[in-house]
């Protein structure tokens, strides 16, 4: 069970953005009459990479809201996840299957750090569009469970969220001194836990 803690001030912009994402996602999902109830193509079984230091640090902070027993369990699952997903033997034996390992945060069909889950986890599932300057509009079909190909598209533009995330990431890097690109799964993020929120920043 998650024990809620006060969120440090430097995470407030990210927490607000997550709130706005959830609100927009829920509004569009409601218009579709879509409810995510889990499926064989479960996004919690997909290989997702996350690319911002702000989100990684917030997820690491969230880990500390779990009981010591649950933290230990999640980290054990994270080590297993990385070993099965990224080891040479995993890729040689069955590279496709290695990408269908449950997220270490998945517990009885639910995310044990639901309030701290990254942007990709929040926005996944619905048909959407993304506008990049100088490029054609990028459109995503949504997950198979929603059978969205049979429905009239309801506009869901992710662009504003990506723009806000870029600003939050830039400010977070300036505040914390974080540098360099990041491309990590949730398991990798949790195993690299460093309590930055305890530092004087």
N, C-alpha and C. Protein backbone atom coordinates (compact mmCIF):
# COMPACT_ATOMS: atom_id res chain seq x y z
N UNK A 1 0.84 -1.19 0.00
CA UNK A 1 0.00 0.00 0.00
C UNK A 1 0.88 1.25 0.00
N UNK A 2 0.48 2.24 -0.79
CA UNK A 2 1.24 3.48 -0.87
C UNK A 2 0.90 4.39 0.30
N UNK A 3 1.92 4.91 0.95
CA UNK A 3 1.73 5.89 2.01
C UNK A 3 2.03 7.26 1.42
N UNK A 4 1.04 8.12 1.34
CA UNK A 4 1.22 9.41 0.71
C UNK A 4 2.11 10.32 1.56
N UNK A 5 2.99 11.03 0.90
CA UNK A 5 3.89 11.96 1.56
C UNK A 5 3.72 13.33 0.90
N UNK A 6 4.13 14.37 1.61
CA UNK A 6 4.13 15.69 1.00
C UNK A 6 5.12 15.68 -0.16
N UNK A 7 4.70 16.25 -1.29
CA UNK A 7 5.56 16.30 -2.47
C UNK A 7 6.47 17.52 -2.37
N UNK A 8 7.78 17.36 -2.49
CA UNK A 8 8.70 18.51 -2.46
C UNK A 8 8.34 19.55 -3.51
N UNK A 9 8.59 20.79 -3.20
CA UNK A 9 8.19 21.90 -4.05
C UNK A 9 8.74 21.77 -5.47
N UNK A 10 9.97 21.24 -5.62
CA UNK A 10 10.55 21.18 -6.97
C UNK A 10 9.87 20.14 -7.86
N UNK A 11 8.99 19.33 -7.28
CA UNK A 11 8.21 18.39 -8.08
C UNK A 11 6.81 18.92 -8.40
N UNK A 12 6.44 20.05 -7.86
CA UNK A 12 5.08 20.57 -8.03
C UNK A 12 4.68 20.79 -9.48
N UNK A 13 5.55 21.40 -10.32
CA UNK A 13 5.15 21.58 -11.73
C UNK A 13 4.87 20.25 -12.43
N UNK A 14 5.67 19.24 -12.13
CA UNK A 14 5.46 17.93 -12.76
C UNK A 14 4.16 17.31 -12.26
N UNK A 15 3.90 17.41 -10.97
CA UNK A 15 2.67 16.85 -10.41
C UNK A 15 1.45 17.53 -11.02
N UNK A 16 1.53 18.84 -11.24
CA UNK A 16 0.42 19.56 -11.86
C UNK A 16 0.23 19.13 -13.31
N UNK A 17 1.33 18.95 -14.04
CA UNK A 17 1.23 18.49 -15.42
C UNK A 17 0.61 17.11 -15.48
N UNK A 18 1.01 16.23 -14.59
CA UNK A 18 0.41 14.90 -14.54
C UNK A 18 -1.09 14.98 -14.29
N UNK A 19 -1.49 15.88 -13.40
CA UNK A 19 -2.91 16.08 -13.12
C UNK A 19 -3.65 16.51 -14.39
N UNK A 20 -3.06 17.45 -15.14
CA UNK A 20 -3.69 17.94 -16.37
C UNK A 20 -3.76 16.83 -17.42
N UNK A 21 -2.72 16.03 -17.51
CA UNK A 21 -2.73 14.90 -18.44
C UNK A 21 -3.87 13.94 -18.12
N UNK A 22 -3.96 13.58 -16.86
CA UNK A 22 -4.99 12.63 -16.43
C UNK A 22 -6.38 13.17 -16.73
N UNK A 23 -6.57 14.45 -16.46
CA UNK A 23 -7.87 15.06 -16.69
C UNK A 23 -8.25 15.02 -18.18
N UNK A 24 -7.29 15.40 -19.04
CA UNK A 24 -7.55 15.40 -20.48
C UNK A 24 -7.79 13.98 -20.99
N UNK A 25 -6.95 13.04 -20.53
CA UNK A 25 -7.09 11.64 -20.96
C UNK A 25 -8.46 11.10 -20.55
N UNK A 26 -8.85 11.35 -19.33
CA UNK A 26 -10.13 10.83 -18.83
C UNK A 26 -11.31 11.42 -19.58
N UNK A 27 -11.22 12.71 -19.94
CA UNK A 27 -12.31 13.35 -20.67
C UNK A 27 -12.50 12.72 -22.04
N UNK A 28 -11.38 12.46 -22.75
CA UNK A 28 -11.47 11.85 -24.08
C UNK A 28 -11.93 10.40 -23.95
N UNK A 29 -11.38 9.68 -22.99
CA UNK A 29 -11.77 8.28 -22.79
C UNK A 29 -13.25 8.18 -22.50
N UNK A 30 -13.77 9.11 -21.71
CA UNK A 30 -15.20 9.10 -21.38
C UNK A 30 -16.05 9.32 -22.63
N UNK A 31 -15.56 10.18 -23.52
CA UNK A 31 -16.30 10.41 -24.77
C UNK A 31 -16.34 9.15 -25.62
N UNK A 32 -15.27 8.38 -25.58
CA UNK A 32 -15.24 7.11 -26.30
C UNK A 32 -16.03 6.03 -25.58
N UNK A 33 -16.30 6.24 -24.29
CA UNK A 33 -16.88 5.17 -23.49
C UNK A 33 -15.86 4.09 -23.21
N UNK A 34 -14.58 4.48 -23.15
CA UNK A 34 -13.48 3.52 -23.00
C UNK A 34 -13.00 3.47 -21.56
N UNK A 35 -12.84 2.25 -21.06
CA UNK A 35 -12.27 2.02 -19.74
C UNK A 35 -11.17 0.98 -19.87
N UNK A 36 -10.00 1.30 -19.34
CA UNK A 36 -8.90 0.35 -19.39
C UNK A 36 -9.08 -0.68 -18.28
N UNK A 37 -9.32 -1.92 -18.67
CA UNK A 37 -9.52 -3.00 -17.70
C UNK A 37 -8.46 -4.09 -17.84
N UNK A 38 -7.39 -3.75 -18.56
CA UNK A 38 -6.35 -4.75 -18.77
C UNK A 38 -6.67 -5.63 -19.96
N UNK A 39 -5.65 -6.11 -20.64
CA UNK A 39 -5.86 -6.96 -21.81
C UNK A 39 -4.56 -7.69 -22.11
N UNK A 40 -4.57 -8.54 -23.13
CA UNK A 40 -3.37 -9.29 -23.49
C UNK A 40 -2.26 -8.37 -23.97
N UNK A 41 -2.65 -7.25 -24.57
CA UNK A 41 -1.67 -6.27 -25.05
C UNK A 41 -1.46 -5.19 -23.99
N UNK A 42 -1.42 -5.62 -22.75
CA UNK A 42 -1.32 -4.71 -21.61
C UNK A 42 -0.09 -3.82 -21.73
N UNK A 43 -0.29 -2.50 -21.58
CA UNK A 43 0.84 -1.58 -21.68
C UNK A 43 1.85 -1.82 -20.56
N UNK A 44 1.41 -2.43 -19.46
CA UNK A 44 2.33 -2.74 -18.36
C UNK A 44 3.22 -3.94 -18.69
N UNK A 45 3.00 -4.55 -19.86
CA UNK A 45 3.85 -5.63 -20.33
C UNK A 45 4.71 -5.18 -21.51
N UNK A 46 4.58 -3.91 -21.88
CA UNK A 46 5.31 -3.38 -23.02
C UNK A 46 6.65 -2.79 -22.58
N UNK A 47 7.59 -2.77 -23.50
CA UNK A 47 8.91 -2.21 -23.21
C UNK A 47 8.89 -0.72 -23.50
N UNK A 48 8.74 0.08 -22.46
CA UNK A 48 8.71 1.53 -22.60
C UNK A 48 10.00 2.11 -22.03
N UNK A 49 10.53 3.12 -22.71
CA UNK A 49 11.67 3.87 -22.19
C UNK A 49 11.20 5.28 -21.83
N UNK A 50 11.80 5.83 -20.79
CA UNK A 50 11.44 7.15 -20.31
C UNK A 50 12.67 8.06 -20.43
N UNK A 51 12.44 9.34 -20.73
CA UNK A 51 13.53 10.18 -21.22
C UNK A 51 13.76 11.47 -20.44
N UNK A 52 13.18 11.63 -19.28
CA UNK A 52 13.40 12.88 -18.53
C UNK A 52 13.91 12.58 -17.13
N UNK A 53 14.86 13.40 -16.70
CA UNK A 53 15.39 13.27 -15.35
C UNK A 53 14.34 13.63 -14.30
N UNK A 54 13.48 14.59 -14.63
CA UNK A 54 12.44 15.00 -13.69
C UNK A 54 11.51 13.84 -13.36
N UNK A 55 11.07 13.12 -14.39
CA UNK A 55 10.17 12.00 -14.17
C UNK A 55 10.87 10.86 -13.44
N UNK A 56 12.12 10.62 -13.79
CA UNK A 56 12.87 9.55 -13.13
C UNK A 56 13.02 9.84 -11.64
N UNK A 57 13.35 11.08 -11.31
CA UNK A 57 13.53 11.46 -9.91
C UNK A 57 12.21 11.40 -9.15
N UNK A 58 11.12 11.78 -9.80
CA UNK A 58 9.81 11.74 -9.15
C UNK A 58 9.39 10.29 -8.88
N UNK A 59 9.68 9.41 -9.82
CA UNK A 59 9.36 8.00 -9.62
C UNK A 59 10.20 7.42 -8.49
N UNK A 60 11.46 7.81 -8.42
CA UNK A 60 12.33 7.36 -7.33
C UNK A 60 11.84 7.88 -5.99
N UNK A 61 11.35 9.11 -5.99
CA UNK A 61 10.74 9.65 -4.77
C UNK A 61 9.52 8.82 -4.38
N UNK A 62 8.72 8.47 -5.38
CA UNK A 62 7.52 7.68 -5.12
C UNK A 62 7.83 6.34 -4.50
N UNK A 63 8.95 5.75 -4.89
CA UNK A 63 9.34 4.46 -4.33
C UNK A 63 9.41 4.51 -2.81
N UNK A 64 9.83 5.65 -2.28
CA UNK A 64 9.99 5.79 -0.84
C UNK A 64 8.67 5.90 -0.09
N UNK A 65 7.56 6.02 -0.83
CA UNK A 65 6.26 6.05 -0.18
C UNK A 65 5.74 4.64 0.10
N UNK A 66 6.42 3.64 -0.44
CA UNK A 66 6.03 2.25 -0.17
C UNK A 66 6.65 1.78 1.13
N UNK A 67 6.08 0.76 1.71
CA UNK A 67 6.65 0.18 2.92
C UNK A 67 8.00 -0.43 2.58
N UNK A 68 8.91 -0.55 3.56
CA UNK A 68 10.22 -1.16 3.30
C UNK A 68 10.11 -2.54 2.65
N UNK A 69 9.13 -3.31 3.07
CA UNK A 69 8.94 -4.65 2.49
C UNK A 69 8.58 -4.55 1.02
N UNK A 70 7.66 -3.63 0.68
CA UNK A 70 7.25 -3.47 -0.71
C UNK A 70 8.37 -2.87 -1.56
N UNK A 71 9.15 -1.97 -0.98
CA UNK A 71 10.30 -1.42 -1.70
C UNK A 71 11.27 -2.54 -2.09
N UNK A 72 11.57 -3.39 -1.15
CA UNK A 72 12.49 -4.49 -1.40
C UNK A 72 11.95 -5.41 -2.48
N UNK A 73 10.66 -5.67 -2.43
CA UNK A 73 10.04 -6.55 -3.43
C UNK A 73 10.11 -5.94 -4.82
N UNK A 74 9.82 -4.64 -4.91
CA UNK A 74 9.86 -3.94 -6.20
C UNK A 74 11.28 -3.94 -6.77
N UNK A 75 12.28 -3.72 -5.94
CA UNK A 75 13.65 -3.71 -6.40
C UNK A 75 14.12 -5.09 -6.84
N UNK A 76 13.62 -6.13 -6.15
CA UNK A 76 13.94 -7.50 -6.58
C UNK A 76 13.35 -7.77 -7.95
N UNK A 77 12.10 -7.35 -8.15
CA UNK A 77 11.45 -7.52 -9.45
C UNK A 77 12.15 -6.70 -10.52
N UNK A 78 12.65 -5.53 -10.14
CA UNK A 78 13.36 -4.66 -11.09
C UNK A 78 14.65 -5.32 -11.57
N UNK A 79 15.37 -5.94 -10.64
CA UNK A 79 16.60 -6.65 -11.02
C UNK A 79 16.28 -7.82 -11.95
N UNK A 80 15.22 -8.55 -11.64
CA UNK A 80 14.80 -9.67 -12.50
C UNK A 80 14.40 -9.16 -13.88
N UNK A 81 13.68 -8.06 -13.91
CA UNK A 81 13.24 -7.46 -15.17
C UNK A 81 14.44 -7.12 -16.06
N UNK A 82 15.41 -6.44 -15.48
CA UNK A 82 16.59 -6.04 -16.26
C UNK A 82 17.39 -7.24 -16.73
N UNK A 83 17.51 -8.25 -15.88
CA UNK A 83 18.27 -9.43 -16.25
C UNK A 83 17.58 -10.17 -17.39
N UNK A 84 16.27 -10.27 -17.33
CA UNK A 84 15.53 -11.00 -18.36
C UNK A 84 15.39 -10.20 -19.65
N UNK A 85 15.40 -8.87 -19.54
CA UNK A 85 15.16 -8.03 -20.71
C UNK A 85 16.43 -7.66 -21.46
N UNK A 86 17.50 -7.40 -20.71
CA UNK A 86 18.68 -6.83 -21.34
C UNK A 86 19.91 -7.73 -21.37
N UNK A 87 19.83 -8.90 -20.78
CA UNK A 87 21.00 -9.79 -20.81
C UNK A 87 21.19 -10.36 -22.20
N UNK A 88 22.41 -10.75 -22.53
CA UNK A 88 22.70 -11.33 -23.84
C UNK A 88 21.91 -12.61 -24.05
N UNK A 89 21.76 -13.42 -23.02
CA UNK A 89 21.05 -14.69 -23.15
C UNK A 89 19.58 -14.46 -23.44
N UNK A 90 18.99 -13.41 -22.84
CA UNK A 90 17.57 -13.13 -23.09
C UNK A 90 17.34 -12.77 -24.55
N UNK A 91 18.23 -11.96 -25.11
CA UNK A 91 18.07 -11.55 -26.50
C UNK A 91 18.28 -12.70 -27.46
N UNK A 92 19.22 -13.60 -27.14
CA UNK A 92 19.50 -14.73 -28.02
C UNK A 92 18.41 -15.78 -27.95
N UNK A 93 17.90 -16.03 -26.73
CA UNK A 93 16.91 -17.08 -26.56
C UNK A 93 15.57 -16.70 -27.17
N UNK A 94 15.07 -15.52 -26.82
CA UNK A 94 13.75 -15.11 -27.31
C UNK A 94 13.58 -13.61 -27.14
N UNK A 95 14.08 -12.82 -28.07
CA UNK A 95 14.02 -11.37 -27.92
C UNK A 95 12.61 -10.82 -27.85
N UNK A 96 11.65 -11.45 -28.52
CA UNK A 96 10.27 -10.96 -28.49
C UNK A 96 9.66 -11.16 -27.11
N UNK A 97 9.88 -12.34 -26.54
CA UNK A 97 9.31 -12.65 -25.24
C UNK A 97 9.90 -11.78 -24.16
N UNK A 98 11.17 -11.37 -24.32
CA UNK A 98 11.82 -10.57 -23.30
C UNK A 98 11.18 -9.20 -23.16
N UNK A 99 10.37 -8.81 -24.14
CA UNK A 99 9.71 -7.52 -24.07
C UNK A 99 8.32 -7.61 -23.46
N UNK A 100 7.90 -8.77 -22.99
CA UNK A 100 6.59 -8.96 -22.41
C UNK A 100 6.67 -9.33 -20.94
N UNK A 101 7.65 -8.81 -20.27
CA UNK A 101 7.81 -9.06 -18.84
C UNK A 101 7.04 -7.98 -18.09
N UNK A 102 6.26 -8.36 -17.07
CA UNK A 102 5.48 -7.35 -16.34
C UNK A 102 6.37 -6.27 -15.72
N UNK A 103 5.89 -5.04 -15.76
CA UNK A 103 6.57 -3.95 -15.08
C UNK A 103 6.72 -4.31 -13.60
N UNK A 104 7.86 -4.01 -12.99
CA UNK A 104 8.06 -4.36 -11.58
C UNK A 104 7.09 -3.66 -10.63
N UNK A 105 6.39 -2.65 -11.13
CA UNK A 105 5.42 -1.96 -10.29
C UNK A 105 4.02 -2.56 -10.38
N UNK A 106 3.84 -3.53 -11.27
CA UNK A 106 2.53 -4.14 -11.45
C UNK A 106 2.23 -5.10 -10.30
N UNK A 107 1.14 -4.83 -9.59
CA UNK A 107 0.78 -5.64 -8.43
C UNK A 107 -0.72 -5.91 -8.47
N UNK A 108 -1.07 -7.19 -8.61
CA UNK A 108 -2.48 -7.62 -8.72
C UNK A 108 -3.23 -6.77 -9.75
N UNK A 109 -2.58 -6.56 -10.90
CA UNK A 109 -3.22 -5.85 -11.99
C UNK A 109 -3.23 -4.33 -11.87
N UNK A 110 -2.60 -3.80 -10.84
CA UNK A 110 -2.58 -2.35 -10.65
C UNK A 110 -1.15 -1.85 -10.45
N UNK A 111 -0.92 -0.57 -10.75
CA UNK A 111 0.40 0.02 -10.56
C UNK A 111 0.55 0.41 -9.09
N UNK A 112 1.59 -0.09 -8.47
CA UNK A 112 1.80 0.19 -7.04
C UNK A 112 2.29 1.62 -6.80
N UNK A 113 2.70 2.32 -7.87
CA UNK A 113 3.07 3.74 -7.77
C UNK A 113 2.25 4.55 -8.77
N UNK A 114 0.96 4.29 -8.79
CA UNK A 114 0.06 4.86 -9.79
C UNK A 114 0.16 6.38 -9.86
N UNK A 115 0.23 7.06 -8.72
CA UNK A 115 0.25 8.52 -8.71
C UNK A 115 1.59 9.08 -9.18
N UNK A 116 2.60 8.22 -9.29
CA UNK A 116 3.94 8.67 -9.68
C UNK A 116 4.33 8.16 -11.07
N UNK A 117 3.46 7.46 -11.74
CA UNK A 117 3.79 6.85 -13.02
C UNK A 117 4.13 7.90 -14.06
N UNK A 118 5.06 7.60 -14.98
CA UNK A 118 5.52 8.59 -15.97
C UNK A 118 4.49 8.93 -17.03
N UNK A 119 4.82 9.94 -17.80
CA UNK A 119 3.94 10.47 -18.84
C UNK A 119 3.48 9.41 -19.83
N UNK A 120 4.39 8.57 -20.31
CA UNK A 120 4.04 7.58 -21.32
C UNK A 120 2.96 6.65 -20.79
N UNK A 121 3.07 6.28 -19.53
CA UNK A 121 2.08 5.39 -18.92
C UNK A 121 0.72 6.07 -18.86
N UNK A 122 0.72 7.38 -18.63
CA UNK A 122 -0.53 8.13 -18.48
C UNK A 122 -1.23 8.38 -19.82
N UNK A 123 -0.46 8.63 -20.86
CA UNK A 123 -1.05 9.02 -22.14
C UNK A 123 -1.32 7.84 -23.07
N UNK A 124 -0.81 6.69 -22.73
CA UNK A 124 -0.94 5.52 -23.60
C UNK A 124 -2.41 5.09 -23.71
N UNK A 125 -2.75 4.51 -24.85
CA UNK A 125 -4.05 3.87 -24.99
C UNK A 125 -5.00 4.54 -25.95
N UNK A 126 -5.08 5.86 -25.92
CA UNK A 126 -6.05 6.57 -26.75
C UNK A 126 -5.44 7.01 -28.09
N UNK A 127 -6.24 7.03 -29.15
CA UNK A 127 -5.77 7.64 -30.40
C UNK A 127 -5.37 9.08 -30.14
N UNK A 128 -4.31 9.53 -30.80
CA UNK A 128 -3.79 10.86 -30.47
C UNK A 128 -3.07 11.47 -31.66
N UNK A 129 -2.68 12.71 -31.49
CA UNK A 129 -1.90 13.40 -32.52
C UNK A 129 -0.79 14.20 -31.85
N UNK A 130 0.26 14.45 -32.63
CA UNK A 130 1.41 15.20 -32.14
C UNK A 130 1.89 16.11 -33.26
N UNK A 131 2.04 17.38 -32.95
CA UNK A 131 2.44 18.38 -33.95
C UNK A 131 3.88 18.80 -33.71
N UNK A 132 4.75 18.49 -34.67
CA UNK A 132 6.14 18.91 -34.60
C UNK A 132 6.38 19.96 -35.68
N UNK A 133 6.98 21.09 -35.34
CA UNK A 133 7.23 22.14 -36.33
C UNK A 133 8.00 21.61 -37.54
N UNK A 134 7.49 21.85 -38.73
CA UNK A 134 8.17 21.44 -39.94
C UNK A 134 7.89 20.02 -40.36
N UNK A 135 7.03 19.31 -39.62
CA UNK A 135 6.70 17.93 -39.95
C UNK A 135 5.19 17.77 -40.09
N UNK A 136 4.80 16.71 -40.79
CA UNK A 136 3.39 16.38 -40.86
C UNK A 136 2.89 15.94 -39.48
N UNK A 137 1.62 16.08 -39.27
CA UNK A 137 1.03 15.67 -37.99
C UNK A 137 1.24 14.17 -37.80
N UNK A 138 1.74 13.80 -36.64
CA UNK A 138 1.94 12.39 -36.30
C UNK A 138 0.70 11.90 -35.56
N UNK A 139 0.14 10.79 -36.03
CA UNK A 139 -1.07 10.27 -35.40
C UNK A 139 -0.83 8.85 -34.89
N UNK A 140 -1.33 8.57 -33.71
CA UNK A 140 -1.23 7.24 -33.12
C UNK A 140 -2.61 6.61 -33.06
N UNK A 141 -2.72 5.29 -33.28
CA UNK A 141 -4.02 4.64 -33.41
C UNK A 141 -4.72 4.29 -32.09
N UNK A 142 -4.00 4.32 -30.98
CA UNK A 142 -4.59 3.85 -29.74
C UNK A 142 -4.40 2.35 -29.59
N UNK A 143 -4.72 1.83 -28.42
CA UNK A 143 -4.49 0.40 -28.16
C UNK A 143 -5.57 -0.46 -28.81
N UNK A 144 -5.26 -1.73 -28.98
CA UNK A 144 -6.19 -2.65 -29.63
C UNK A 144 -7.46 -2.87 -28.81
N UNK A 145 -7.34 -2.77 -27.48
CA UNK A 145 -8.48 -3.06 -26.61
C UNK A 145 -9.65 -2.11 -26.86
N UNK A 146 -9.34 -0.88 -27.28
CA UNK A 146 -10.40 0.10 -27.49
C UNK A 146 -11.11 -0.03 -28.81
N UNK A 147 -10.56 -0.85 -29.74
CA UNK A 147 -11.16 -1.02 -31.07
C UNK A 147 -11.46 0.35 -31.69
N UNK A 148 -10.48 1.25 -31.57
CA UNK A 148 -10.69 2.63 -32.01
C UNK A 148 -10.76 2.77 -33.53
N UNK A 149 -10.26 1.78 -34.25
CA UNK A 149 -10.31 1.86 -35.72
C UNK A 149 -11.75 1.81 -36.22
N UNK A 150 -12.68 1.40 -35.37
CA UNK A 150 -14.09 1.34 -35.75
C UNK A 150 -14.85 2.59 -35.31
N UNK A 151 -14.16 3.53 -34.70
CA UNK A 151 -14.82 4.69 -34.13
C UNK A 151 -14.35 5.98 -34.79
N UNK A 152 -15.16 7.01 -34.68
CA UNK A 152 -14.79 8.32 -35.17
C UNK A 152 -13.74 8.92 -34.23
N UNK A 153 -12.68 9.43 -34.81
CA UNK A 153 -11.59 9.97 -34.01
C UNK A 153 -12.04 11.19 -33.21
N UNK A 154 -11.72 11.18 -31.93
CA UNK A 154 -11.95 12.32 -31.05
C UNK A 154 -10.60 12.98 -30.80
N UNK A 155 -10.43 14.23 -31.16
CA UNK A 155 -9.11 14.88 -31.05
C UNK A 155 -8.49 14.78 -29.66
N UNK A 156 -7.26 14.31 -29.65
CA UNK A 156 -6.48 14.25 -28.42
C UNK A 156 -5.05 14.62 -28.79
N UNK A 157 -4.72 15.90 -28.59
CA UNK A 157 -3.43 16.44 -29.00
C UNK A 157 -2.46 16.38 -27.81
N UNK A 158 -1.41 15.59 -27.97
CA UNK A 158 -0.41 15.46 -26.91
C UNK A 158 0.61 16.62 -26.91
N UNK A 159 0.61 17.40 -27.98
CA UNK A 159 1.66 18.42 -28.16
C UNK A 159 1.84 19.35 -26.96
N UNK A 160 0.76 19.93 -26.42
CA UNK A 160 0.94 20.84 -25.28
C UNK A 160 1.61 20.17 -24.08
N UNK A 161 1.32 18.90 -23.86
CA UNK A 161 1.92 18.19 -22.74
C UNK A 161 3.42 17.98 -22.95
N UNK A 162 3.80 17.66 -24.17
CA UNK A 162 5.22 17.48 -24.48
C UNK A 162 5.98 18.79 -24.33
N UNK A 163 5.35 19.88 -24.75
CA UNK A 163 5.99 21.19 -24.63
C UNK A 163 6.19 21.57 -23.16
N UNK A 164 5.17 21.35 -22.36
CA UNK A 164 5.29 21.66 -20.93
C UNK A 164 6.32 20.77 -20.26
N UNK A 165 6.37 19.51 -20.67
CA UNK A 165 7.35 18.59 -20.10
C UNK A 165 8.77 19.04 -20.43
N UNK A 166 8.97 19.55 -21.64
CA UNK A 166 10.30 20.03 -22.03
C UNK A 166 10.74 21.18 -21.14
N UNK A 167 9.83 22.08 -20.81
CA UNK A 167 10.15 23.22 -19.94
C UNK A 167 10.46 22.73 -18.53
N UNK A 168 9.63 21.81 -18.03
CA UNK A 168 9.85 21.26 -16.69
C UNK A 168 11.20 20.56 -16.62
N UNK A 169 11.54 19.81 -17.64
CA UNK A 169 12.82 19.09 -17.66
C UNK A 169 13.99 20.07 -17.68
N UNK A 170 13.88 21.11 -18.48
CA UNK A 170 14.95 22.11 -18.55
C UNK A 170 15.16 22.77 -17.18
N UNK A 171 14.07 23.17 -16.54
CA UNK A 171 14.17 23.80 -15.23
C UNK A 171 14.69 22.84 -14.18
N UNK A 172 14.29 21.59 -14.26
CA UNK A 172 14.73 20.59 -13.29
C UNK A 172 16.23 20.34 -13.44
N UNK A 173 16.70 20.30 -14.65
CA UNK A 173 18.14 20.10 -14.88
C UNK A 173 18.95 21.27 -14.33
N UNK A 174 18.45 22.47 -14.54
CA UNK A 174 19.15 23.65 -14.02
C UNK A 174 19.17 23.63 -12.50
N UNK A 175 18.09 23.18 -11.90
CA UNK A 175 17.97 23.16 -10.45
C UNK A 175 18.85 22.10 -9.81
N UNK A 176 18.95 20.95 -10.46
CA UNK A 176 19.64 19.80 -9.86
C UNK A 176 21.03 19.54 -10.41
N UNK A 177 21.36 20.17 -11.54
CA UNK A 177 22.65 19.90 -12.15
C UNK A 177 22.68 18.62 -12.96
N UNK A 178 21.52 18.02 -13.19
CA UNK A 178 21.45 16.82 -14.02
C UNK A 178 21.80 17.16 -15.45
N UNK A 179 22.59 16.30 -16.09
CA UNK A 179 22.96 16.52 -17.49
C UNK A 179 22.89 15.21 -18.25
N UNK A 180 22.97 15.30 -19.55
CA UNK A 180 23.01 14.11 -20.38
C UNK A 180 21.64 13.55 -20.69
N UNK A 181 21.59 12.75 -21.75
CA UNK A 181 20.35 12.12 -22.16
C UNK A 181 20.03 10.95 -21.24
N UNK A 182 18.75 10.62 -21.16
CA UNK A 182 18.31 9.49 -20.37
C UNK A 182 17.37 8.64 -21.22
N UNK A 183 17.57 7.34 -21.15
CA UNK A 183 16.69 6.40 -21.84
C UNK A 183 16.65 5.14 -20.98
N UNK A 184 15.68 5.08 -20.09
CA UNK A 184 15.63 3.99 -19.13
C UNK A 184 14.21 3.46 -18.94
N UNK A 185 14.12 2.19 -18.65
CA UNK A 185 12.84 1.61 -18.26
C UNK A 185 12.57 1.96 -16.80
N UNK A 186 11.37 1.70 -16.35
CA UNK A 186 11.04 1.94 -14.95
C UNK A 186 11.94 1.11 -14.05
N UNK A 187 12.21 -0.12 -14.43
CA UNK A 187 13.08 -0.99 -13.63
C UNK A 187 14.47 -0.38 -13.49
N UNK A 188 15.02 0.12 -14.57
CA UNK A 188 16.36 0.73 -14.52
C UNK A 188 16.35 2.00 -13.68
N UNK A 189 15.30 2.78 -13.79
CA UNK A 189 15.19 4.00 -12.99
C UNK A 189 15.19 3.68 -11.50
N UNK A 190 14.41 2.69 -11.12
CA UNK A 190 14.28 2.35 -9.70
C UNK A 190 15.58 1.77 -9.15
N UNK A 191 16.30 1.03 -9.97
CA UNK A 191 17.56 0.45 -9.50
C UNK A 191 18.66 1.50 -9.36
N UNK A 192 18.50 2.62 -10.02
CA UNK A 192 19.47 3.70 -9.92
C UNK A 192 19.05 4.75 -8.91
N UNK A 193 18.27 4.32 -7.92
CA UNK A 193 17.70 5.26 -6.95
C UNK A 193 18.77 6.09 -6.25
N UNK A 194 18.57 7.40 -6.30
CA UNK A 194 19.39 8.34 -5.53
C UNK A 194 18.44 9.38 -4.95
N UNK A 195 18.39 9.52 -3.67
CA UNK A 195 17.39 10.40 -3.03
C UNK A 195 17.66 11.87 -3.23
N UNK A 196 17.51 12.33 -4.47
CA UNK A 196 17.83 13.73 -4.78
C UNK A 196 16.91 14.69 -4.03
N UNK A 197 15.69 14.22 -3.70
CA UNK A 197 14.77 15.11 -3.03
C UNK A 197 15.21 15.43 -1.61
N UNK A 198 16.19 14.69 -1.09
CA UNK A 198 16.70 14.96 0.24
C UNK A 198 17.87 15.94 0.21
N UNK A 199 18.38 16.18 -0.98
CA UNK A 199 19.51 17.08 -1.10
C UNK A 199 19.03 18.54 -0.99
N UNK A 200 19.91 19.40 -0.59
CA UNK A 200 19.56 20.81 -0.48
C UNK A 200 19.70 21.44 -1.86
N UNK A 201 18.56 21.65 -2.49
CA UNK A 201 18.58 22.20 -3.84
C UNK A 201 17.66 23.43 -3.90
